Amino acid sequence: MFEIEYSNISKKFLKNLDKELLSRIFERLEKLKIDPVPQDSKFIRRDGNEKVFRYRIGKCRVLYKIKESEKVILVTKIDKRDKVYD
């Protein structure tokens, strides 16, 4: 089972959300603990030795890395679709 960690950028985005969307995002991210690469996630690129994935949650996109050796999923960025890839 994996642990989920959040970058400062993703924490900042989550602070400004309404409770309904926030709970929806957390509910979906909890599923990553069991299955870090669900069928609806997409491989984006490599960052060093780590793979970067995109996870769609409504109009938001979550970018995350999987650190296999540490059993950690690092959520690097959460934002709306048009801003997340900047």
C-alpha atoms as a PDB file:
ATOM      1  CA  MET A   1       0.000   0.000   0.000  1.00  0.00           C
ATOM      2  CA  PHE A   2       1.269   3.452  -0.926  1.00  0.00           C
ATOM      3  CA  GLU A   3       1.327   6.685   1.072  1.00  0.00           C
ATOM      4  CA  ILE A   4       0.274   9.969  -0.509  1.00  0.00           C
ATOM      5  CA  GLU A   5       2.331  13.130  -0.082  1.00  0.00           C
ATOM      6  CA  TYR A   6       1.454  16.589  -1.391  1.00  0.00           C
ATOM      7  CA  SER A   7       3.767  19.266  -2.742  1.00  0.00           C
ATOM      8  CA  ASN A   8       3.375  22.844  -1.502  1.00  0.00           C
ATOM      9  CA  ILE A   9       1.863  23.845  -4.876  1.00  0.00           C
ATOM     10  CA  SER A  10      -0.837  21.182  -4.602  1.00  0.00           C
ATOM     11  CA  LYS A  11      -1.567  22.066  -0.947  1.00  0.00           C
ATOM     12  CA  LYS A  12      -2.036  25.704  -1.920  1.00  0.00           C
ATOM     13  CA  PHE A  13      -4.557  24.773  -4.621  1.00  0.00           C
ATOM     14  CA  LEU A  14      -6.495  22.485  -2.269  1.00  0.00           C
ATOM     15  CA  LYS A  15      -6.812  25.234   0.367  1.00  0.00           C
ATOM     16  CA  ASN A  16      -8.903  27.373  -1.992  1.00  0.00           C
ATOM     17  CA  LEU A  17     -11.454  24.733  -3.034  1.00  0.00           C
ATOM     18  CA  ASP A  18     -15.024  24.353  -1.884  1.00  0.00           C
ATOM     19  CA  LYS A  19     -15.668  21.406   0.415  1.00  0.00           C
ATOM     20  CA  GLU A  20     -17.602  19.358  -2.150  1.00  0.00           C
ATOM     21  CA  LEU A  21     -14.824  19.356  -4.748  1.00  0.00           C
ATOM     22  CA  LEU A  22     -12.172  18.906  -2.054  1.00  0.00           C
ATOM     23  CA  SER A  23     -13.846  15.768  -0.708  1.00  0.00           C
ATOM     24  CA  ARG A  24     -14.272  14.428  -4.257  1.00  0.00           C
ATOM     25  CA  ILE A  25     -10.559  14.912  -4.965  1.00  0.00           C
ATOM     26  CA  PHE A  26      -9.485  13.291  -1.688  1.00  0.00           C
ATOM     27  CA  GLU A  27     -11.853  10.370  -2.283  1.00  0.00           C
ATOM     28  CA  ARG A  28     -10.324   9.696  -5.713  1.00  0.00           C
ATOM     29  CA  LEU A  29      -6.757  10.155  -4.486  1.00  0.00           C
ATOM     30  CA  GLU A  30      -7.332   7.625  -1.695  1.00  0.00           C
ATOM     31  CA  LYS A  31      -7.909   5.012  -4.415  1.00  0.00           C
ATOM     32  CA  LEU A  32      -4.345   5.611  -5.640  1.00  0.00           C
ATOM     33  CA  LYS A  33      -3.025   4.085  -2.405  1.00  0.00           C
ATOM     34  CA  ILE A  34      -4.258   0.685  -3.557  1.00  0.00           C
ATOM     35  CA  ASP A  35      -3.845   1.094  -7.330  1.00  0.00           C
ATOM     36  CA  PRO A  36      -1.247   3.793  -8.126  1.00  0.00           C
ATOM     37  CA  VAL A  37      -1.878   3.554 -11.883  1.00  0.00           C
ATOM     38  CA  PRO A  38      -5.629   3.147 -12.370  1.00  0.00           C
ATOM     39  CA  GLN A  39      -7.050   2.610 -15.838  1.00  0.00           C
ATOM     40  CA  ASP A  40      -8.178   6.245 -16.139  1.00  0.00           C
ATOM     41  CA  SER A  41      -4.731   7.696 -15.367  1.00  0.00           C
ATOM     42  CA  LYS A  42      -2.332   8.558 -18.155  1.00  0.00           C
ATOM     43  CA  PHE A  43       1.462   8.477 -18.374  1.00  0.00           C
ATOM     44  CA  ILE A  44       2.719  11.983 -19.256  1.00  0.00           C
ATOM     45  CA  ARG A  45       6.528  11.974 -19.137  1.00  0.00           C
ATOM     46  CA  ARG A  46       9.603  10.956 -17.189  1.00  0.00           C
ATOM     47  CA  ASP A  47      11.216  13.197 -14.598  1.00  0.00           C
ATOM     48  CA  GLY A  48      14.588  11.607 -13.981  1.00  0.00           C
ATOM     49  CA  ASN A  49      13.896   8.006 -12.996  1.00  0.00           C
ATOM     50  CA  GLU A  50      10.305   8.708 -11.971  1.00  0.00           C
ATOM     51  CA  LYS A  51       7.237   8.494 -14.169  1.00  0.00           C
ATOM     52  CA  VAL A  52       4.774  11.390 -14.101  1.00  0.00           C
ATOM     53  CA  PHE A  53       1.086  10.532 -14.440  1.00  0.00           C
ATOM     54  CA  ARG A  54      -2.061  12.579 -14.970  1.00  0.00           C
ATOM     55  CA  TYR A  55      -5.285  11.763 -13.151  1.00  0.00           C
ATOM     56  CA  ARG A  56      -8.511  13.445 -14.216  1.00  0.00           C
ATOM     57  CA  ILE A  57     -11.018  14.408 -11.534  1.00  0.00           C
ATOM     58  CA  GLY A  58     -13.853  16.403 -13.105  1.00  0.00           C
ATOM     59  CA  LYS A  59     -12.436  19.644 -14.476  1.00  0.00           C
ATOM     60  CA  CYS A  60      -9.284  19.269 -12.395  1.00  0.00           C
ATOM     61  CA  ARG A  61      -6.120  17.400 -13.269  1.00  0.00           C
ATOM     62  CA  VAL A  62      -3.729  15.858 -10.772  1.00  0.00           C
ATOM     63  CA  LEU A  63      -0.092  15.344 -11.745  1.00  0.00           C
ATOM     64  CA  TYR A  64       1.736  12.816  -9.606  1.00  0.00           C
ATOM     65  CA  LYS A  65       4.898  10.731  -9.432  1.00  0.00           C
ATOM     66  CA  ILE A  66       5.251   7.221  -8.100  1.00  0.00           C
ATOM     67  CA  LYS A  67       8.282   6.532  -5.934  1.00  0.00           C
ATOM     68  CA  GLU A  68       8.252   2.722  -6.020  1.00  0.00           C
ATOM     69  CA  SER A  69      11.178   2.150  -3.651  1.00  0.00           C
ATOM     70  CA  GLU A  70       9.637   4.362  -0.946  1.00  0.00           C
ATOM     71  CA  LYS A  71       6.033   3.298  -1.626  1.00  0.00           C
ATOM     72  CA  VAL A  72       5.067   6.978  -1.978  1.00  0.00           C
ATOM     73  CA  ILE A  73       2.822   8.796  -4.414  1.00  0.00           C
ATOM     74  CA  LEU A  74       3.894  12.424  -4.652  1.00  0.00           C
ATOM     75  CA  VAL A  75       1.105  14.716  -5.842  1.00  0.00           C
ATOM     76  CA  THR A  76       3.131  17.446  -7.553  1.00  0.00           C
ATOM     77  CA  LYS A  77       0.360  19.649  -8.930  1.00  0.00           C
ATOM     78  CA  ILE A  78      -3.432  19.959  -8.934  1.00  0.00           C
ATOM     79  CA  ASP A  79      -5.163  22.559 -11.093  1.00  0.00           C
ATOM     80  CA  LYS A  80      -7.745  23.123 -13.762  1.00  0.00           C
ATOM     81  CA  ARG A  81      -7.030  21.491 -17.115  1.00  0.00           C
ATOM     82  CA  ASP A  82      -5.884  24.658 -18.906  1.00  0.00           C
ATOM     83  CA  LYS A  83      -3.395  25.588 -16.159  1.00  0.00           C
ATOM     84  CA  VAL A  84      -1.989  22.308 -14.859  1.00  0.00           C
ATOM     85  CA  TYR A  85       0.614  21.812 -17.608  1.00  0.00           C
ATOM     86  CA  ASP A  86       2.193  25.290 -17.273  1.00  0.00           C
END
